[in-house]
Each structure stands twice: as C-alpha cells, then as structure tokens.
Amino acid sequence: MGSLQDLVTNKYGFDLTEQQEDMVIRDLELIIEANATINLTRIVSWDSAMCRHIEDSLAGVPYVLAAPDGLYGDLGTGGGFPGIPMAIVTGRKTLLVDSVQKKMRVLDGVIHELGLSNQVSTYAGRIEDLAKQRRGEFAVLTARALSSLPSLLELASPLLKLHGRLVCYKANPSDAEMESMRKIVRKLGFSLPEMHQFDLEDGSHRTIMVFQKVSKASISLPRRIGLAQNEPLA
C-alpha cells in the first residue's frame, strides 16, 4: 500500500491530513502491541492490518460524514475498528461499544495515548442495555462483521434518532441474508439501503450498506438480550 493520504483521496474521495494519518497509524501500532497480551485481532501482519483494518475502516468515512450531526457509535468494536480511525477523521463524539470488558479497558488506554479522551469513550456491555439507557441518541452507527443484517437492524433501531444512519460493513452478504433483511427493514423503521461495492488494496471484496432511520419501529425494542441474534425476526 502506498501513501494512505493518496489512497483515501483517490479511491474514497476525502482528504486525510498528515496529523490524522499519523494518529491512525499510531492507533494500529498500539493495537498490535496490545494484541500480544489480549486477543484483539487475528490480523497481526502490518501490511494486512493496514489493509484489513485501516483502509477497510476509512472506506466508510464518506457515509459517516454524510449522516446528520450528532453522536457516533461503533457496535461490536472489538479492537476499535472502524471506531477509532473514524473518530480521528470525522471529529465526531464517539462511543465504542463491546460486551468484552477486557477489550474495552485496552481501548481506554489507546484512547488516552492518542489524546482522544475528551472525544471518544467506551461502553462495556450489551447493545440491548445501551438501547435502554441511550434510546434515540445516536446520529450514526457502524457495524463491522458483527452479525447478520436482520440482527444489526434490530439492535440499531432503538439507538438511532430519526434520519440517523446505520453503516454496515460486509464482505459478500448472501442472497438469503439480503432477502431476510428486505422482509423486516421497514418494520424496524429503516429505508432500503444504499449499497457500495469495492475491493480493498489486497483484493478483498467489500460491501458497505447504508440504512436510514425513517420511522419508529412497529414493534417494541429492544427485545430481551440475545434474541436479535438467536431468534431473528426474519
């Protein structure tokens, strides 16, 4: 991979400052260092991580920038991707969400090291519980390799404010997954997604789907913890 600045400008259509590039790269260095003691990522090769974590994360920047003003949340953030790079580039107030407390403690340290403590915070808990505490507070959410589309829509719906966006990162969603999504997308208050397909620099295929919250869900949400994944609505 050549210059990260050139890549995002030429391929994804936004500018990255030198300071932002330095911070994004430092974020990856810190995550790889921490990965020696806690499993944050299976990708430990620098070149692969630059592509699969950094380029992949930044590919969603234009869709987060286009969302309404307000709070950004990264669901199932894991090692902080795309959440921390997204926060660095967009400047949005950010909440990183994951149920694994050990991972969130590591990310708290990374956030402090990067000087982002006034902008980025973590939530170590279940998404369903967060939805009870912060209903309708988010302007935009991302979810990367977290769950199936029907589950993601259900989990995101109560968190988003009207006209908020859910930006889903997928590799190759199956026809069955897409059909299940279409069956419930309106019920959960979303419009059908914009779809953007591309290849990362290593040739990996990606699909980004952008859903907009257009109405309140027609069912009571959130459901009991675990039902979105274990007993999806479609």
Protein backbone atom coordinates (compact mmCIF):
# COMPACT_ATOMS: atom_id res chain seq x y z
CA MET A 1 0.00 0.00 0.00
CA GLY A 2 1.36 3.47 -0.89
CA SER A 3 0.57 6.72 0.89
CA LEU A 4 -2.57 6.43 2.99
CA GLN A 5 -3.40 10.05 2.19
CA ASP A 6 -3.24 9.39 -1.57
CA LEU A 7 -5.25 6.20 -1.24
CA VAL A 8 -8.21 7.72 0.56
CA THR A 9 -8.25 10.81 -1.65
CA ASN A 10 -8.08 8.94 -4.93
CA LYS A 11 -10.15 5.89 -4.02
CA TYR A 12 -12.62 7.03 -1.36
CA GLY A 13 -12.94 10.73 -2.12
CA PHE A 14 -11.96 12.52 1.09
CA ASP A 15 -8.82 14.19 2.37
CA LEU A 16 -6.69 12.96 5.25
CA THR A 17 -4.38 15.41 6.99
CA GLU A 18 -0.84 14.45 7.96
CA GLN A 19 -1.80 14.60 11.63
CA GLN A 20 -4.79 12.32 11.06
CA GLU A 21 -2.64 9.85 9.13
CA ASP A 22 -0.07 9.81 11.95
CA MET A 23 -2.79 9.20 14.56
CA VAL A 24 -4.45 6.41 12.56
CA ILE A 25 -1.11 4.65 12.11
CA ARG A 26 -0.25 5.11 15.80
CA ASP A 27 -3.63 3.59 16.69
CA LEU A 28 -2.77 0.47 14.70
CA GLU A 29 0.68 0.28 16.33
CA LEU A 30 -0.90 0.41 19.79
CA ILE A 31 -3.48 -2.26 18.94
CA ILE A 32 -0.85 -4.64 17.54
CA GLU A 33 1.30 -4.08 20.66
CA ALA A 34 -1.66 -4.78 22.94
CA ASN A 35 -2.57 -7.86 20.90
CA ALA A 36 0.48 -9.61 22.35
CA THR A 37 -1.30 -9.87 25.71
CA ILE A 38 -5.02 -9.85 24.77
CA ASN A 39 -6.66 -11.13 21.62
CA LEU A 40 -7.96 -8.03 19.85
CA THR A 41 -7.38 -9.13 16.24
CA ARG A 42 -6.36 -12.22 14.28
CA ILE A 43 -4.55 -9.99 11.77
CA VAL A 44 -1.02 -9.34 13.02
CA SER A 45 0.91 -8.75 9.78
CA TRP A 46 1.45 -4.99 9.39
CA ASP A 47 0.59 -4.89 5.67
CA SER A 48 -2.54 -7.00 6.17
CA ALA A 49 -3.61 -4.91 9.16
CA MET A 50 -3.13 -1.66 7.23
CA CYS A 51 -5.44 -3.02 4.55
CA ARG A 52 -7.97 -5.07 6.54
CA HIS A 53 -8.26 -2.67 9.47
CA ILE A 54 -7.19 0.82 8.40
CA GLU A 55 -8.21 1.00 4.74
CA ASP A 56 -11.36 -1.00 5.47
CA SER A 57 -12.30 1.33 8.34
CA LEU A 58 -11.66 4.50 6.37
CA ALA A 59 -13.70 3.30 3.39
CA GLY A 60 -16.81 4.11 5.42
CA VAL A 61 -15.81 7.70 6.24
CA PRO A 62 -17.86 9.37 3.43
CA TYR A 63 -21.06 7.70 4.69
CA VAL A 64 -20.48 8.71 8.31
CA LEU A 65 -19.64 12.28 7.25
CA ALA A 66 -22.95 12.41 5.33
CA ALA A 67 -25.01 11.44 8.38
CA PRO A 68 -26.82 14.06 10.49
CA ASP A 69 -24.78 15.89 13.11
CA GLY A 70 -24.53 14.12 16.43
CA LEU A 71 -23.19 11.17 18.35
CA TYR A 72 -21.46 8.28 16.55
CA GLY A 73 -21.38 4.72 17.90
CA ASP A 74 -19.36 1.71 16.74
CA LEU A 75 -21.21 -1.51 17.61
CA GLY A 76 -19.12 -4.59 18.38
CA THR A 77 -15.99 -2.51 18.07
CA GLY A 78 -13.56 -5.27 19.12
CA GLY A 79 -10.11 -3.76 18.56
CA GLY A 80 -11.60 -0.33 17.86
CA PHE A 81 -12.16 -0.69 14.11
CA PRO A 82 -13.67 1.24 12.45
CA GLY A 83 -14.50 3.32 15.52
CA ILE A 84 -11.17 4.92 16.45
CA PRO A 85 -9.99 5.71 12.89
CA MET A 86 -13.49 7.01 12.15
CA ALA A 87 -13.40 9.29 15.19
CA ILE A 88 -9.96 10.61 14.21
CA VAL A 89 -11.03 11.50 10.69
CA THR A 90 -14.60 12.73 11.27
CA GLY A 91 -14.08 14.51 14.59
CA ARG A 92 -17.40 13.14 15.87
CA LYS A 93 -18.12 12.47 19.51
CA THR A 94 -17.77 8.70 19.60
CA LEU A 95 -18.85 5.75 21.74
CA LEU A 96 -17.14 2.38 21.20
CA VAL A 97 -19.46 -0.48 22.17
CA ASP A 98 -18.45 -4.05 23.00
CA SER A 99 -19.53 -6.59 25.59
CA VAL A 100 -15.97 -7.78 26.34
CA GLN A 101 -14.74 -5.64 29.23
CA LYS A 102 -11.05 -6.59 28.83
CA LYS A 103 -11.07 -5.24 25.28
CA MET A 104 -12.70 -2.01 26.40
CA ARG A 105 -10.05 -1.50 29.08
CA VAL A 106 -7.35 -1.83 26.42
CA LEU A 107 -9.15 0.65 24.18
CA ASP A 108 -9.45 3.10 27.07
CA GLY A 109 -5.64 3.07 27.24
CA VAL A 110 -5.30 3.53 23.48
CA ILE A 111 -7.76 6.43 23.54
CA HIS A 112 -5.76 8.08 26.33
CA GLU A 113 -2.47 7.53 24.49
CA LEU A 114 -3.89 9.15 21.35
CA GLY A 115 -5.16 12.17 23.27
CA LEU A 116 -8.79 11.41 22.41
CA SER A 117 -10.25 11.07 25.90
CA ASN A 118 -12.43 14.18 25.50
CA GLN A 119 -13.91 12.85 22.25
CA VAL A 120 -14.03 9.06 22.45
CA SER A 121 -15.39 6.85 25.23
CA THR A 122 -16.24 3.16 25.66
CA TYR A 123 -19.26 1.15 26.75
CA ALA A 124 -18.59 -2.36 28.04
CA GLY A 125 -21.96 -4.04 27.85
CA ARG A 126 -24.71 -5.42 25.67
CA ILE A 127 -26.21 -3.32 22.89
CA GLU A 128 -29.72 -4.04 24.17
CA ASP A 129 -28.86 -2.49 27.54
CA LEU A 130 -27.31 0.53 25.87
CA ALA A 131 -30.56 1.00 23.92
CA LYS A 132 -32.49 1.27 27.18
CA GLN A 133 -30.06 3.86 28.54
CA ARG A 134 -29.50 5.98 25.43
CA ARG A 135 -32.56 5.49 23.24
CA GLY A 136 -32.59 7.63 20.11
CA GLU A 137 -29.34 9.44 20.97
CA PHE A 138 -27.18 8.35 18.03
CA ALA A 139 -26.91 10.10 14.67
CA VAL A 140 -24.87 7.36 13.06
CA LEU A 141 -23.76 3.82 13.88
CA THR A 142 -21.26 1.48 12.28
CA ALA A 143 -21.15 -2.31 12.49
CA ARG A 144 -18.31 -4.33 11.00
CA ALA A 145 -18.52 -8.13 10.82
CA LEU A 146 -20.76 -8.15 13.90
CA SER A 147 -23.90 -10.09 12.98
CA SER A 148 -26.45 -10.74 10.24
CA LEU A 149 -28.31 -7.82 8.70
CA PRO A 150 -31.66 -8.59 10.38
CA SER A 151 -29.93 -8.70 13.78
CA LEU A 152 -27.99 -5.49 13.12
CA LEU A 153 -31.12 -3.61 12.09
CA GLU A 154 -32.94 -4.74 15.19
CA LEU A 155 -30.09 -3.79 17.52
CA ALA A 156 -29.52 -0.41 15.86
CA SER A 157 -33.11 0.75 15.50
CA PRO A 158 -33.80 1.92 19.08
CA LEU A 159 -30.41 3.63 19.33
CA LEU A 160 -30.78 5.84 16.26
CA LYS A 161 -32.58 9.14 16.08
CA LEU A 162 -34.88 9.90 13.15
CA HIS A 163 -32.88 10.25 9.91
CA GLY A 164 -29.87 8.65 11.59
CA ARG A 165 -27.76 6.19 9.63
CA LEU A 166 -26.55 2.64 10.12
CA VAL A 167 -23.40 1.90 8.11
CA CYS A 168 -22.85 -1.87 7.78
CA TYR A 169 -19.54 -3.31 6.60
CA LYS A 170 -19.92 -6.69 4.92
CA ALA A 171 -17.82 -8.93 2.69
CA ASN A 172 -20.26 -10.84 0.49
CA PRO A 173 -23.75 -10.94 2.04
CA SER A 174 -25.66 -13.99 0.86
CA ASP A 175 -28.90 -13.86 -1.09
CA ALA A 176 -30.66 -15.40 1.92
CA GLU A 177 -29.33 -12.69 4.25
CA MET A 178 -30.40 -9.96 1.85
CA GLU A 179 -33.88 -11.48 1.48
CA SER A 180 -34.29 -11.71 5.27
CA MET A 181 -33.24 -8.06 5.56
CA ARG A 182 -35.83 -6.97 2.99
CA LYS A 183 -38.61 -8.72 4.93
CA ILE A 184 -38.09 -6.66 8.08
CA VAL A 185 -36.32 -3.46 7.08
CA ARG A 186 -39.50 -1.35 7.04
CA LYS A 187 -40.85 -2.95 10.23
CA LEU A 188 -37.72 -1.81 12.03
CA GLY A 189 -38.07 1.77 10.74
CA PHE A 190 -35.42 1.78 8.02
CA SER A 191 -35.36 2.53 4.33
CA LEU A 192 -33.80 0.04 1.94
CA PRO A 193 -30.04 0.54 1.88
CA GLU A 194 -27.66 2.28 -0.43
CA MET A 195 -25.09 -0.34 -1.49
CA HIS A 196 -21.47 0.39 -2.33
CA GLN A 197 -19.18 -2.41 -3.51
CA PHE A 198 -15.40 -2.20 -3.91
CA ASP A 199 -12.17 -4.12 -3.42
CA LEU A 200 -9.52 -3.32 -0.84
CA GLU A 201 -5.92 -2.95 -1.97
CA ASP A 202 -5.24 -6.64 -1.26
CA GLY A 203 -8.16 -7.68 -3.49
CA SER A 204 -10.61 -8.45 -0.66
CA HIS A 205 -14.18 -7.65 -1.70
CA ARG A 206 -16.28 -5.35 0.47
CA THR A 207 -19.88 -4.21 0.53
CA ILE A 208 -20.97 -1.19 2.56
CA MET A 209 -24.71 -0.83 3.13
CA VAL A 210 -26.13 2.43 4.45
CA PHE A 211 -29.58 2.30 6.06
CA GLN A 212 -31.51 5.40 7.11
CA LYS A 213 -33.91 5.51 10.06
CA VAL A 214 -37.11 6.87 8.54
CA SER A 215 -39.68 6.00 11.20
CA LYS A 216 -40.17 4.41 14.59
CA ALA A 217 -40.08 0.61 14.58
CA SER A 218 -43.51 -1.00 14.52
CA ILE A 219 -42.54 -3.43 17.31
CA SER A 220 -41.31 -2.81 20.83
CA LEU A 221 -37.50 -2.70 21.00
CA PRO A 222 -35.10 -3.70 22.37
CA ARG A 223 -36.17 -7.28 22.87
CA ARG A 224 -34.63 -9.46 25.55
CA ILE A 225 -30.84 -9.81 25.39
CA GLY A 226 -29.73 -12.37 22.80
CA LEU A 227 -32.98 -12.65 20.88
CA ALA A 228 -31.81 -10.47 17.96
CA GLN A 229 -29.02 -12.94 17.21
CA ASN A 230 -30.59 -16.22 18.38
CA GLU A 231 -34.20 -15.67 17.28
CA PRO A 232 -34.03 -13.08 14.48
CA LEU A 233 -37.26 -11.54 13.23
CA ALA A 234 -36.61 -12.90 9.72
